[in-house]
Amino acid sequence: MKRISQSLWILLVGLCAATAAAAQDDGLANAILEIQHQWEHIHYQVPEDRQDTAFPKLEDSVDALIKRYPGHAEPLVWKAIVLSTHAGAKGGLSALSMVRQARDLLEQAEKIDPDTLNGSIYTTLGSLYYQVPGWPLGYGDDKKAATFLKKALQINPNGIDANYFYGDFLYRKGQYSEALSVLEKAMHAPARPNRPLADEGRRKEIQAVIAKIKDKT
């Protein structure tokens, strides 16, 4: 049997490593998509009074994903999204610890891969900073919110979420004309592959904010 040359051996090892990495990436992508679908179902289809009891199981699923893929930003981002949405459904002071944990997870993810998931780190951070109460109860800060939301738009200028949250932020600041322009852009954002329920639900939220703006102008 002929001996494999050192250069060929190195090439084979490299190919095996690349194949394993690709399989891991595919596994993570599929797992993230499943988390997204579960989140969409709870957020848009489960009645609000039942969401508080539905989210913990999903949080456990994301925790398992974080353990399975250490050093990856995507599961950290989705744990933050799930926590922040759960906090919104829960409400009250008991939700403050959840939004603090969400912020910390996003900051961890930013150190790993700031551009992951089309700028979702900055979209989520921005939405937290303008919706969480300010000091002394929380860490809310409109200046930081604007900075993060604009950064998200730099990464994903046509994204439905990035434009929705920036438009909603502008609406809450009373900048109705600019908000309407951004929200109209969100309404015409490209559809996301494999996420029709999320797109449908987000467009309903966009339409609701547009209706509020038109009532005020």
N, C-alpha and C. Protein backbone atom coordinates (compact mmCIF):
# COMPACT_ATOMS: atom_id res chain seq x y z
N MET A 1 0.85 -1.20 0.00
CA MET A 1 0.00 0.00 0.00
C MET A 1 0.88 1.25 0.00
N LYS A 2 0.63 2.14 -0.89
CA LYS A 2 1.43 3.36 -1.01
C LYS A 2 1.14 4.30 0.16
N ARG A 3 2.19 4.95 0.62
CA ARG A 3 2.02 5.93 1.68
C ARG A 3 1.42 7.22 1.13
N ILE A 4 0.52 7.82 1.88
CA ILE A 4 -0.08 9.10 1.47
C ILE A 4 0.93 10.20 1.73
N SER A 5 1.14 11.06 0.74
CA SER A 5 2.10 12.14 0.91
C SER A 5 1.61 13.10 1.98
N GLN A 6 2.57 13.81 2.59
CA GLN A 6 2.21 14.74 3.66
C GLN A 6 1.25 15.81 3.17
N SER A 7 1.48 16.33 1.96
CA SER A 7 0.62 17.40 1.44
C SER A 7 -0.79 16.90 1.19
N LEU A 8 -0.90 15.63 0.69
CA LEU A 8 -2.22 15.07 0.44
C LEU A 8 -2.94 14.81 1.77
N TRP A 9 -2.17 14.36 2.76
CA TRP A 9 -2.74 14.12 4.08
C TRP A 9 -3.30 15.41 4.68
N ILE A 10 -2.54 16.48 4.56
CA ILE A 10 -2.99 17.77 5.07
C ILE A 10 -4.27 18.20 4.37
N LEU A 11 -4.31 17.97 3.04
CA LEU A 11 -5.50 18.34 2.27
C LEU A 11 -6.71 17.54 2.72
N LEU A 12 -6.53 16.22 2.94
CA LEU A 12 -7.64 15.37 3.37
C LEU A 12 -8.16 15.77 4.75
N VAL A 13 -7.22 16.06 5.65
CA VAL A 13 -7.62 16.50 6.99
C VAL A 13 -8.41 17.80 6.91
N GLY A 14 -7.91 18.72 6.06
CA GLY A 14 -8.60 20.00 5.89
C GLY A 14 -10.00 19.83 5.33
N LEU A 15 -10.15 18.91 4.35
CA LEU A 15 -11.46 18.67 3.77
C LEU A 15 -12.42 18.06 4.79
N CYS A 16 -11.91 17.14 5.59
CA CYS A 16 -12.75 16.52 6.62
C CYS A 16 -13.20 17.57 7.65
N ALA A 17 -12.28 18.44 8.03
CA ALA A 17 -12.61 19.48 9.00
C ALA A 17 -13.65 20.44 8.42
N ALA A 18 -13.47 20.80 7.14
CA ALA A 18 -14.42 21.70 6.50
C ALA A 18 -15.80 21.07 6.39
N THR A 19 -15.84 19.77 6.09
CA THR A 19 -17.12 19.06 6.00
C THR A 19 -17.81 19.01 7.34
N ALA A 20 -17.04 18.74 8.40
CA ALA A 20 -17.60 18.70 9.74
C ALA A 20 -18.13 20.06 10.15
N ALA A 21 -17.38 21.12 9.82
CA ALA A 21 -17.81 22.48 10.15
C ALA A 21 -19.08 22.84 9.41
N ALA A 22 -19.15 22.44 8.12
CA ALA A 22 -20.35 22.73 7.33
C ALA A 22 -21.56 22.01 7.91
N ALA A 23 -21.37 20.75 8.35
CA ALA A 23 -22.46 19.99 8.94
C ALA A 23 -22.92 20.65 10.23
N GLN A 24 -21.96 21.13 11.03
CA GLN A 24 -22.31 21.82 12.27
C GLN A 24 -23.08 23.09 11.97
N ASP A 25 -22.63 23.86 10.96
CA ASP A 25 -23.33 25.09 10.59
C ASP A 25 -24.75 24.81 10.14
N ASP A 26 -24.92 23.73 9.34
CA ASP A 26 -26.26 23.35 8.88
C ASP A 26 -27.14 22.96 10.07
N GLY A 27 -26.54 22.21 11.01
CA GLY A 27 -27.30 21.81 12.18
C GLY A 27 -27.74 23.00 13.01
N LEU A 28 -26.85 23.98 13.17
CA LEU A 28 -27.19 25.18 13.92
C LEU A 28 -28.25 25.98 13.21
N ALA A 29 -28.12 26.13 11.89
CA ALA A 29 -29.10 26.90 11.12
C ALA A 29 -30.49 26.28 11.22
N ASN A 30 -30.56 24.96 11.14
CA ASN A 30 -31.85 24.28 11.25
C ASN A 30 -32.43 24.42 12.65
N ALA A 31 -31.57 24.34 13.66
CA ALA A 31 -32.03 24.49 15.04
C ALA A 31 -32.54 25.90 15.30
N ILE A 32 -31.84 26.89 14.77
CA ILE A 32 -32.28 28.28 14.93
C ILE A 32 -33.62 28.50 14.25
N LEU A 33 -33.80 27.92 13.07
CA LEU A 33 -35.07 28.06 12.35
C LEU A 33 -36.21 27.47 13.17
N GLU A 34 -35.96 26.34 13.84
CA GLU A 34 -36.99 25.72 14.68
C GLU A 34 -37.33 26.63 15.86
N ILE A 35 -36.30 27.24 16.46
CA ILE A 35 -36.54 28.20 17.56
C ILE A 35 -37.37 29.37 17.05
N GLN A 36 -37.02 29.88 15.88
CA GLN A 36 -37.76 31.00 15.29
C GLN A 36 -39.23 30.64 15.10
N HIS A 37 -39.49 29.44 14.57
CA HIS A 37 -40.87 29.03 14.32
C HIS A 37 -41.67 28.89 15.63
N GLN A 38 -41.01 28.36 16.66
CA GLN A 38 -41.69 28.24 17.95
C GLN A 38 -41.98 29.62 18.54
N TRP A 39 -41.01 30.52 18.42
CA TRP A 39 -41.22 31.89 18.90
C TRP A 39 -42.38 32.56 18.17
N GLU A 40 -42.41 32.42 16.86
CA GLU A 40 -43.48 33.02 16.05
C GLU A 40 -44.85 32.49 16.49
N HIS A 41 -44.90 31.19 16.71
CA HIS A 41 -46.18 30.59 17.13
C HIS A 41 -46.65 31.19 18.45
N ILE A 42 -45.75 31.27 19.43
CA ILE A 42 -46.14 31.81 20.74
C ILE A 42 -46.50 33.28 20.64
N HIS A 43 -45.65 34.05 19.98
CA HIS A 43 -45.83 35.51 19.95
C HIS A 43 -47.05 35.93 19.15
N TYR A 44 -47.33 35.22 18.06
CA TYR A 44 -48.40 35.67 17.17
C TYR A 44 -49.67 34.82 17.21
N GLN A 45 -49.60 33.61 17.77
CA GLN A 45 -50.77 32.75 17.72
C GLN A 45 -51.30 32.34 19.09
N VAL A 46 -50.45 32.31 20.10
CA VAL A 46 -50.90 31.95 21.45
C VAL A 46 -51.53 33.18 22.10
N PRO A 47 -52.70 33.06 22.73
CA PRO A 47 -53.33 34.22 23.39
C PRO A 47 -52.38 34.84 24.42
N GLU A 48 -52.45 36.14 24.56
CA GLU A 48 -51.52 36.87 25.43
C GLU A 48 -51.53 36.35 26.86
N ASP A 49 -52.69 35.97 27.36
CA ASP A 49 -52.76 35.53 28.75
C ASP A 49 -52.16 34.14 28.97
N ARG A 50 -51.75 33.47 27.88
CA ARG A 50 -51.11 32.15 28.00
C ARG A 50 -49.64 32.18 27.60
N GLN A 51 -49.17 33.32 27.12
CA GLN A 51 -47.80 33.38 26.66
C GLN A 51 -46.78 33.26 27.79
N ASP A 52 -47.12 33.78 28.96
CA ASP A 52 -46.19 33.74 30.09
C ASP A 52 -45.84 32.30 30.48
N THR A 53 -46.77 31.39 30.29
CA THR A 53 -46.51 29.99 30.62
C THR A 53 -45.94 29.22 29.43
N ALA A 54 -46.03 29.79 28.22
CA ALA A 54 -45.53 29.10 27.02
C ALA A 54 -44.05 29.37 26.78
N PHE A 55 -43.57 30.56 27.14
CA PHE A 55 -42.19 30.93 26.83
C PHE A 55 -41.11 30.14 27.59
N PRO A 56 -41.31 29.76 28.86
CA PRO A 56 -40.24 29.06 29.58
C PRO A 56 -39.73 27.80 28.88
N LYS A 57 -40.61 27.01 28.28
CA LYS A 57 -40.18 25.81 27.56
C LYS A 57 -39.27 26.17 26.39
N LEU A 58 -39.62 27.26 25.70
CA LEU A 58 -38.78 27.70 24.58
C LEU A 58 -37.43 28.20 25.09
N GLU A 59 -37.43 28.87 26.23
CA GLU A 59 -36.17 29.32 26.82
C GLU A 59 -35.27 28.14 27.15
N ASP A 60 -35.86 27.05 27.63
CA ASP A 60 -35.08 25.84 27.91
C ASP A 60 -34.47 25.27 26.62
N SER A 61 -35.23 25.32 25.55
CA SER A 61 -34.74 24.82 24.26
C SER A 61 -33.54 25.64 23.78
N VAL A 62 -33.62 26.96 23.95
CA VAL A 62 -32.50 27.81 23.52
C VAL A 62 -31.28 27.58 24.42
N ASP A 63 -31.52 27.37 25.71
CA ASP A 63 -30.41 27.07 26.63
C ASP A 63 -29.67 25.81 26.18
N ALA A 64 -30.42 24.80 25.77
CA ALA A 64 -29.80 23.57 25.28
C ALA A 64 -28.98 23.84 24.03
N LEU A 65 -29.48 24.74 23.17
CA LEU A 65 -28.78 25.08 21.95
C LEU A 65 -27.48 25.84 22.25
N ILE A 66 -27.51 26.70 23.25
CA ILE A 66 -26.30 27.43 23.66
C ILE A 66 -25.23 26.46 24.14
N LYS A 67 -25.64 25.43 24.88
CA LYS A 67 -24.69 24.43 25.36
C LYS A 67 -24.16 23.57 24.21
N ARG A 68 -25.02 23.29 23.22
CA ARG A 68 -24.61 22.45 22.10
C ARG A 68 -23.66 23.17 21.16
N TYR A 69 -23.82 24.50 21.06
CA TYR A 69 -22.98 25.28 20.14
C TYR A 69 -22.29 26.41 20.90
N PRO A 70 -21.37 26.08 21.80
CA PRO A 70 -20.66 27.13 22.55
C PRO A 70 -19.81 27.97 21.61
N GLY A 71 -19.72 29.26 21.93
CA GLY A 71 -18.91 30.14 21.10
C GLY A 71 -19.61 30.65 19.86
N HIS A 72 -20.90 30.34 19.71
CA HIS A 72 -21.68 30.84 18.57
C HIS A 72 -22.61 31.96 19.05
N ALA A 73 -22.74 32.98 18.24
CA ALA A 73 -23.55 34.14 18.63
C ALA A 73 -25.05 33.91 18.47
N GLU A 74 -25.43 33.12 17.47
CA GLU A 74 -26.85 33.01 17.12
C GLU A 74 -27.75 32.54 18.27
N PRO A 75 -27.37 31.46 18.99
CA PRO A 75 -28.25 31.04 20.10
C PRO A 75 -28.36 32.09 21.20
N LEU A 76 -27.27 32.84 21.43
CA LEU A 76 -27.32 33.89 22.44
C LEU A 76 -28.31 34.99 22.04
N VAL A 77 -28.30 35.34 20.75
CA VAL A 77 -29.22 36.36 20.26
C VAL A 77 -30.66 35.90 20.42
N TRP A 78 -30.91 34.63 20.08
CA TRP A 78 -32.28 34.16 20.17
C TRP A 78 -32.76 33.95 21.59
N LYS A 79 -31.84 33.63 22.50
CA LYS A 79 -32.24 33.59 23.91
C LYS A 79 -32.66 34.99 24.36
N ALA A 80 -31.91 36.01 23.91
CA ALA A 80 -32.24 37.39 24.26
C ALA A 80 -33.60 37.80 23.67
N ILE A 81 -33.86 37.40 22.44
CA ILE A 81 -35.14 37.74 21.81
C ILE A 81 -36.30 37.07 22.55
N VAL A 82 -36.13 35.80 22.88
CA VAL A 82 -37.18 35.08 23.61
C VAL A 82 -37.42 35.71 24.98
N LEU A 83 -36.34 36.01 25.69
CA LEU A 83 -36.47 36.63 27.01
C LEU A 83 -37.16 37.99 26.94
N SER A 84 -36.75 38.81 25.97
CA SER A 84 -37.33 40.15 25.88
C SER A 84 -38.81 40.09 25.50
N THR A 85 -39.17 39.15 24.62
CA THR A 85 -40.58 39.00 24.25
C THR A 85 -41.39 38.47 25.43
N HIS A 86 -40.81 37.52 26.15
CA HIS A 86 -41.45 36.99 27.35
C HIS A 86 -41.66 38.10 28.38
N ALA A 87 -40.64 38.94 28.54
CA ALA A 87 -40.76 40.06 29.49
C ALA A 87 -41.91 40.97 29.10
N GLY A 88 -42.08 41.22 27.80
CA GLY A 88 -43.18 42.05 27.34
C GLY A 88 -44.53 41.44 27.65
N ALA A 89 -44.62 40.10 27.53
CA ALA A 89 -45.88 39.42 27.83
C ALA A 89 -46.14 39.38 29.34
N LYS A 90 -45.07 39.27 30.11
CA LYS A 90 -45.18 39.16 31.56
C LYS A 90 -45.51 40.51 32.19
N GLY A 91 -44.76 41.55 31.80
CA GLY A 91 -44.98 42.89 32.31
C GLY A 91 -44.62 43.02 33.78
N GLY A 92 -44.66 44.25 34.25
CA GLY A 92 -44.40 44.51 35.66
C GLY A 92 -42.93 44.45 36.02
N LEU A 93 -42.65 44.67 37.30
CA LEU A 93 -41.28 44.72 37.78
C LEU A 93 -40.57 43.38 37.65
N SER A 94 -41.33 42.28 37.68
CA SER A 94 -40.72 40.96 37.60
C SER A 94 -40.05 40.72 36.25
N ALA A 95 -40.43 41.52 35.23
CA ALA A 95 -39.83 41.36 33.91
C ALA A 95 -38.47 42.04 33.78
N LEU A 96 -38.12 42.91 34.73
CA LEU A 96 -36.89 43.68 34.61
C LEU A 96 -35.64 42.81 34.62
N SER A 97 -35.64 41.76 35.43
CA SER A 97 -34.46 40.88 35.44
C SER A 97 -34.30 40.17 34.11
N MET A 98 -35.40 39.91 33.44
CA MET A 98 -35.35 39.23 32.14
C MET A 98 -34.75 40.13 31.07
N VAL A 99 -35.11 41.41 31.08
CA VAL A 99 -34.58 42.30 30.06
C VAL A 99 -33.11 42.64 30.34
N ARG A 100 -32.72 42.59 31.60
CA ARG A 100 -31.29 42.78 31.91
C ARG A 100 -30.48 41.59 31.39
N GLN A 101 -31.01 40.40 31.59
CA GLN A 101 -30.33 39.20 31.08
C GLN A 101 -30.27 39.23 29.55
N ALA A 102 -31.36 39.69 28.92
CA ALA A 102 -31.38 39.78 27.46
C ALA A 102 -30.29 40.73 26.96
N ARG A 103 -30.16 41.88 27.61
CA ARG A 103 -29.11 42.83 27.21
C ARG A 103 -27.72 42.21 27.37
N ASP A 104 -27.49 41.51 28.47
CA ASP A 104 -26.18 40.90 28.72
C ASP A 104 -25.86 39.84 27.66
N LEU A 105 -26.86 39.06 27.27
CA LEU A 105 -26.65 38.04 26.24
C LEU A 105 -26.30 38.68 24.89
N LEU A 106 -26.96 39.77 24.57
CA LEU A 106 -26.68 40.46 23.31
C LEU A 106 -25.27 41.04 23.31
N GLU A 107 -24.84 41.55 24.44
CA GLU A 107 -23.48 42.07 24.53
C GLU A 107 -22.44 40.96 24.39
N GLN A 108 -22.76 39.77 24.91
CA GLN A 108 -21.88 38.61 24.71
C GLN A 108 -21.81 38.24 23.24
N ALA A 109 -22.98 38.20 22.59
CA ALA A 109 -23.05 37.83 21.17
C ALA A 109 -22.30 38.84 20.31
N GLU A 110 -22.37 40.11 20.67
CA GLU A 110 -21.69 41.15 19.90
C GLU A 110 -20.18 40.92 19.88
N LYS A 111 -19.62 40.42 20.98
CA LYS A 111 -18.19 40.16 21.05
C LYS A 111 -17.79 39.00 20.14
N ILE A 112 -18.73 38.10 19.88
CA ILE A 112 -18.45 36.94 19.04
C ILE A 112 -18.61 37.28 17.56
N ASP A 113 -19.75 37.87 17.20
CA ASP A 113 -20.04 38.17 15.79
C ASP A 113 -21.09 39.28 15.73
N PRO A 114 -20.65 40.54 15.68
CA PRO A 114 -21.59 41.66 15.74
C PRO A 114 -22.60 41.72 14.58
N ASP A 115 -22.25 41.14 13.44
CA ASP A 115 -23.12 41.23 12.27
C ASP A 115 -24.05 40.03 12.11
N THR A 116 -24.02 39.11 13.06
CA THR A 116 -24.80 37.88 12.91
C THR A 116 -26.29 38.16 12.76
N LEU A 117 -26.97 37.25 12.03
CA LEU A 117 -28.43 37.32 11.86
C LEU A 117 -28.89 38.69 11.36
N ASN A 118 -28.12 39.23 10.39
CA ASN A 118 -28.50 40.47 9.73
C ASN A 118 -28.74 41.64 10.68
N GLY A 119 -27.86 41.77 11.66
CA GLY A 119 -27.96 42.92 12.55
C GLY A 119 -28.96 42.78 13.68
N SER A 120 -29.39 41.54 13.95
CA SER A 120 -30.42 41.34 14.98
C SER A 120 -29.95 41.76 16.38
N ILE A 121 -28.63 41.71 16.61
CA ILE A 121 -28.13 42.16 17.91
C ILE A 121 -28.51 43.61 18.15
N TYR A 122 -28.27 44.45 17.15
CA TYR A 122 -28.51 45.89 17.32
C TYR A 122 -30.00 46.24 17.24
N THR A 123 -30.75 45.50 16.43
CA THR A 123 -32.20 45.70 16.40
C THR A 123 -32.80 45.42 17.77
N THR A 124 -32.38 44.31 18.37
CA THR A 124 -32.93 43.91 19.67
C THR A 124 -32.45 44.83 20.78
N LEU A 125 -31.16 45.18 20.77
CA LEU A 125 -30.66 46.12 21.77
C LEU A 125 -31.41 47.46 21.68
N GLY A 126 -31.56 47.94 20.46
CA GLY A 126 -32.26 49.21 20.27
C GLY A 126 -33.69 49.16 20.78
N SER A 127 -34.39 48.07 20.48
CA SER A 127 -35.78 47.95 20.94
C SER A 127 -35.86 47.87 22.46
N LEU A 128 -34.88 47.21 23.07
CA LEU A 128 -34.86 47.14 24.53
C LEU A 128 -34.63 48.52 25.13
N TYR A 129 -33.65 49.25 24.60
CA TYR A 129 -33.29 50.53 25.20
C TYR A 129 -34.42 51.56 25.12
N TYR A 130 -35.31 51.46 24.13
CA TYR A 130 -36.40 52.46 24.11
C TYR A 130 -37.68 51.96 24.79
N GLN A 131 -37.75 50.66 25.07
CA GLN A 131 -38.97 50.15 25.70
C GLN A 131 -38.81 49.85 27.19
N VAL A 132 -37.57 49.59 27.62
CA VAL A 132 -37.32 49.33 29.04
C VAL A 132 -37.36 50.67 29.78
N PRO A 133 -37.95 50.71 30.98
CA PRO A 133 -37.95 51.97 31.76
C PRO A 133 -36.54 52.47 32.03
N GLY A 134 -36.41 53.76 32.19
CA GLY A 134 -35.12 54.35 32.51
C GLY A 134 -34.80 54.23 33.98
N TRP A 135 -33.66 54.82 34.34
CA TRP A 135 -33.22 54.81 35.74
C TRP A 135 -34.29 55.49 36.61
N PRO A 136 -34.58 54.99 37.82
CA PRO A 136 -33.83 53.97 38.58
C PRO A 136 -34.35 52.55 38.41
N LEU A 137 -35.45 52.36 37.67
CA LEU A 137 -36.01 51.02 37.54
C LEU A 137 -35.24 50.16 36.55
N GLY A 138 -34.90 50.76 35.41
CA GLY A 138 -34.25 49.99 34.35
C GLY A 138 -33.10 50.74 33.72
N TYR A 139 -32.73 50.29 32.53
CA TYR A 139 -31.58 50.89 31.83
C TYR A 139 -32.01 51.63 30.55
N GLY A 140 -33.29 51.89 30.39
CA GLY A 140 -33.77 52.54 29.18
C GLY A 140 -33.03 53.84 28.88
N ASP A 141 -32.78 54.07 27.59
CA ASP A 141 -31.99 55.23 27.17
C ASP A 141 -32.27 55.48 25.69
N ASP A 142 -32.97 56.56 25.38
CA ASP A 142 -33.36 56.83 24.00
C ASP A 142 -32.16 57.10 23.09
N LYS A 143 -31.12 57.72 23.62
CA LYS A 143 -29.93 57.99 22.79
C LYS A 143 -29.26 56.69 22.38
N LYS A 144 -29.12 55.78 23.32
CA LYS A 144 -28.54 54.49 22.99
C LYS A 144 -29.44 53.72 22.03
N ALA A 145 -30.75 53.82 22.25
CA ALA A 145 -31.70 53.15 21.37
C ALA A 145 -31.52 53.62 19.93
N ALA A 146 -31.45 54.93 19.73
CA ALA A 146 -31.28 55.47 18.38
C ALA A 146 -29.97 55.00 17.75
N THR A 147 -28.91 54.97 18.54
CA THR A 147 -27.61 54.53 18.03
C THR A 147 -27.67 53.08 17.56
N PHE A 148 -28.24 52.21 18.38
CA PHE A 148 -28.31 50.80 18.02
C PHE A 148 -29.24 50.54 16.84
N LEU A 149 -30.39 51.22 16.82
CA LEU A 149 -31.34 51.01 15.72
C LEU A 149 -30.77 51.48 14.39
N LYS A 150 -30.03 52.59 14.40
CA LYS A 150 -29.39 53.06 13.17
C LYS A 150 -28.28 52.11 12.73
N LYS A 151 -27.58 51.53 13.70
CA LYS A 151 -26.53 50.58 13.37
C LYS A 151 -27.14 49.32 12.73
N ALA A 152 -28.29 48.90 13.23
CA ALA A 152 -28.99 47.75 12.65
C ALA A 152 -29.36 48.03 11.20
N LEU A 153 -29.81 49.25 10.93
CA LEU A 153 -30.19 49.62 9.56
C LEU A 153 -28.99 49.71 8.64
N GLN A 154 -27.82 50.04 9.17
CA GLN A 154 -26.61 50.04 8.36
C GLN A 154 -26.29 48.63 7.89
N ILE A 155 -26.52 47.65 8.76
CA ILE A 155 -26.24 46.25 8.41
C ILE A 155 -27.33 45.68 7.51
N ASN A 156 -28.58 46.02 7.80
CA ASN A 156 -29.72 45.45 7.07
C ASN A 156 -30.72 46.55 6.74
N PRO A 157 -30.38 47.41 5.77
CA PRO A 157 -31.21 48.61 5.50
C PRO A 157 -32.63 48.32 5.04
N ASN A 158 -32.87 47.16 4.46
CA ASN A 158 -34.21 46.85 3.94
C ASN A 158 -34.96 45.85 4.80
N GLY A 159 -34.40 45.49 5.95
CA GLY A 159 -35.03 44.47 6.79
C GLY A 159 -36.33 44.93 7.42
N ILE A 160 -37.27 44.03 7.53
CA ILE A 160 -38.58 44.38 8.09
C ILE A 160 -38.48 44.72 9.57
N ASP A 161 -37.68 43.95 10.32
CA ASP A 161 -37.58 44.22 11.76
C ASP A 161 -36.82 45.50 12.05
N ALA A 162 -35.69 45.68 11.36
CA ALA A 162 -34.88 46.88 11.60
C ALA A 162 -35.69 48.15 11.32
N ASN A 163 -36.46 48.15 10.25
CA ASN A 163 -37.26 49.32 9.90
C ASN A 163 -38.47 49.46 10.81
N TYR A 164 -39.08 48.34 11.19
CA TYR A 164 -40.24 48.42 12.08
C TYR A 164 -39.86 49.05 13.42
N PHE A 165 -38.81 48.54 14.04
CA PHE A 165 -38.46 49.04 15.37
C PHE A 165 -37.98 50.48 15.33
N TYR A 166 -37.27 50.84 14.27
CA TYR A 166 -36.84 52.25 14.18
C TYR A 166 -38.06 53.14 13.95
N GLY A 167 -38.99 52.68 13.11
CA GLY A 167 -40.21 53.44 12.88
C GLY A 167 -41.04 53.58 14.14
N ASP A 168 -41.15 52.51 14.90
CA ASP A 168 -41.91 52.57 16.15
C ASP A 168 -41.23 53.51 17.15
N PHE A 169 -39.90 53.47 17.18
CA PHE A 169 -39.15 54.38 18.06
C PHE A 169 -39.42 55.84 17.69
N LEU A 170 -39.38 56.14 16.39
CA LEU A 170 -39.64 57.50 15.94
C LEU A 170 -41.06 57.93 16.26
N TYR A 171 -42.01 57.01 16.11
CA TYR A 171 -43.40 57.31 16.46
C TYR A 171 -43.52 57.70 17.93
N ARG A 172 -42.89 56.92 18.79
CA ARG A 172 -42.96 57.19 20.23
C ARG A 172 -42.27 58.50 20.60
N LYS A 173 -41.33 58.93 19.76
CA LYS A 173 -40.65 60.20 19.99
C LYS A 173 -41.44 61.37 19.40
N GLY A 174 -42.56 61.08 18.74
CA GLY A 174 -43.38 62.13 18.16
C GLY A 174 -42.92 62.60 16.79
N GLN A 175 -42.00 61.88 16.16
CA GLN A 175 -41.50 62.24 14.83
C GLN A 175 -42.33 61.48 13.78
N TYR A 176 -43.57 61.91 13.65
CA TYR A 176 -44.55 61.14 12.89
C TYR A 176 -44.24 61.02 11.40
N SER A 177 -43.83 62.08 10.78
CA SER A 177 -43.56 62.05 9.35
C SER A 177 -42.42 61.08 9.02
N GLU A 178 -41.33 61.20 9.77
CA GLU A 178 -40.20 60.31 9.54
C GLU A 178 -40.56 58.86 9.88
N ALA A 179 -41.32 58.69 10.95
CA ALA A 179 -41.74 57.35 11.35
C ALA A 179 -42.57 56.69 10.27
N LEU A 180 -43.49 57.45 9.68
CA LEU A 180 -44.36 56.91 8.65
C LEU A 180 -43.55 56.45 7.44
N SER A 181 -42.55 57.23 7.06
CA SER A 181 -41.69 56.87 5.93
C SER A 181 -40.95 55.56 6.19
N VAL A 182 -40.41 55.42 7.40
CA VAL A 182 -39.66 54.21 7.76
C VAL A 182 -40.59 53.00 7.83
N LEU A 183 -41.78 53.20 8.38
CA LEU A 183 -42.72 52.09 8.50
C LEU A 183 -43.26 51.65 7.15
N GLU A 184 -43.45 52.59 6.23
CA GLU A 184 -43.87 52.22 4.88
C GLU A 184 -42.78 51.37 4.21
N LYS A 185 -41.54 51.70 4.47
CA LYS A 185 -40.43 50.89 3.94
C LYS A 185 -40.46 49.50 4.54
N ALA A 186 -40.76 49.41 5.83
CA ALA A 186 -40.86 48.11 6.50
C ALA A 186 -41.97 47.26 5.88
N MET A 187 -43.08 47.91 5.53
CA MET A 187 -44.21 47.18 4.94
C MET A 187 -43.83 46.52 3.62
N HIS A 188 -42.90 47.12 2.91
CA HIS A 188 -42.50 46.61 1.60
C HIS A 188 -41.17 45.88 1.64
N ALA A 189 -40.75 45.46 2.83
CA ALA A 189 -39.50 44.73 2.97
C ALA A 189 -39.60 43.37 2.28
N PRO A 190 -38.50 42.87 1.77
CA PRO A 190 -38.52 41.54 1.13
C PRO A 190 -38.95 40.45 2.11
N ALA A 191 -39.68 39.48 1.58
CA ALA A 191 -40.11 38.36 2.42
C ALA A 191 -38.90 37.56 2.88
N ARG A 192 -38.97 37.04 4.10
CA ARG A 192 -37.89 36.23 4.64
C ARG A 192 -38.15 34.75 4.34
N PRO A 193 -37.17 34.06 3.79
CA PRO A 193 -37.36 32.64 3.48
C PRO A 193 -37.72 31.84 4.73
N ASN A 194 -38.72 30.99 4.59
CA ASN A 194 -39.13 30.07 5.66
C ASN A 194 -39.74 30.76 6.88
N ARG A 195 -40.11 32.05 6.75
CA ARG A 195 -40.67 32.73 7.92
C ARG A 195 -41.93 33.54 7.56
N PRO A 196 -42.88 32.91 6.88
CA PRO A 196 -44.08 33.65 6.49
C PRO A 196 -44.92 34.12 7.67
N LEU A 197 -44.98 33.32 8.74
CA LEU A 197 -45.78 33.71 9.90
C LEU A 197 -45.20 34.95 10.57
N ALA A 198 -43.87 35.00 10.69
CA ALA A 198 -43.22 36.17 11.29
C ALA A 198 -43.46 37.41 10.45
N ASP A 199 -43.38 37.28 9.13
CA ASP A 199 -43.61 38.43 8.26
C ASP A 199 -45.05 38.93 8.36
N GLU A 200 -45.98 37.98 8.38
CA GLU A 200 -47.39 38.36 8.48
C GLU A 200 -47.67 39.07 9.81
N GLY A 201 -47.14 38.51 10.90
CA GLY A 201 -47.37 39.11 12.21
C GLY A 201 -46.73 40.48 12.33
N ARG A 202 -45.51 40.62 11.79
CA ARG A 202 -44.83 41.91 11.88
C ARG A 202 -45.56 42.96 11.06
N ARG A 203 -46.08 42.59 9.90
CA ARG A 203 -46.80 43.57 9.08
C ARG A 203 -48.06 44.07 9.79
N LYS A 204 -48.71 43.20 10.54
CA LYS A 204 -49.88 43.63 11.32
C LYS A 204 -49.46 44.65 12.38
N GLU A 205 -48.30 44.42 12.99
CA GLU A 205 -47.79 45.37 13.98
C GLU A 205 -47.43 46.70 13.33
N ILE A 206 -46.86 46.63 12.14
CA ILE A 206 -46.52 47.85 11.40
C ILE A 206 -47.79 48.63 11.07
N GLN A 207 -48.79 47.93 10.58
CA GLN A 207 -50.06 48.58 10.22
C GLN A 207 -50.70 49.25 11.44
N ALA A 208 -50.56 48.62 12.60
CA ALA A 208 -51.14 49.18 13.82
C ALA A 208 -50.47 50.50 14.19
N VAL A 209 -49.15 50.57 14.03
CA VAL A 209 -48.45 51.82 14.34
C VAL A 209 -48.78 52.89 13.30
N ILE A 210 -48.86 52.50 12.04
CA ILE A 210 -49.22 53.46 10.97
C ILE A 210 -50.60 54.05 11.26
N ALA A 211 -51.53 53.21 11.70
CA ALA A 211 -52.89 53.69 12.02
C ALA A 211 -52.85 54.70 13.15
N LYS A 212 -52.00 54.47 14.16
CA LYS A 212 -51.86 55.42 15.27
C LYS A 212 -51.32 56.75 14.80
N ILE A 213 -50.35 56.68 13.88
CA ILE A 213 -49.77 57.91 13.35
C ILE A 213 -50.83 58.72 12.58
N LYS A 214 -51.61 58.04 11.78
CA LYS A 214 -52.63 58.72 10.97
C LYS A 214 -53.72 59.32 11.85
N ASP A 215 -53.96 58.73 13.00
CA ASP A 215 -54.93 59.29 13.93
C ASP A 215 -54.43 60.59 14.56
N LYS A 216 -53.12 60.75 14.59
CA LYS A 216 -52.52 61.91 15.24
C LYS A 216 -52.15 63.01 14.26
N THR A 217 -52.26 62.73 12.96
CA THR A 217 -51.84 63.74 11.97
C THR A 217 -52.98 64.13 11.06
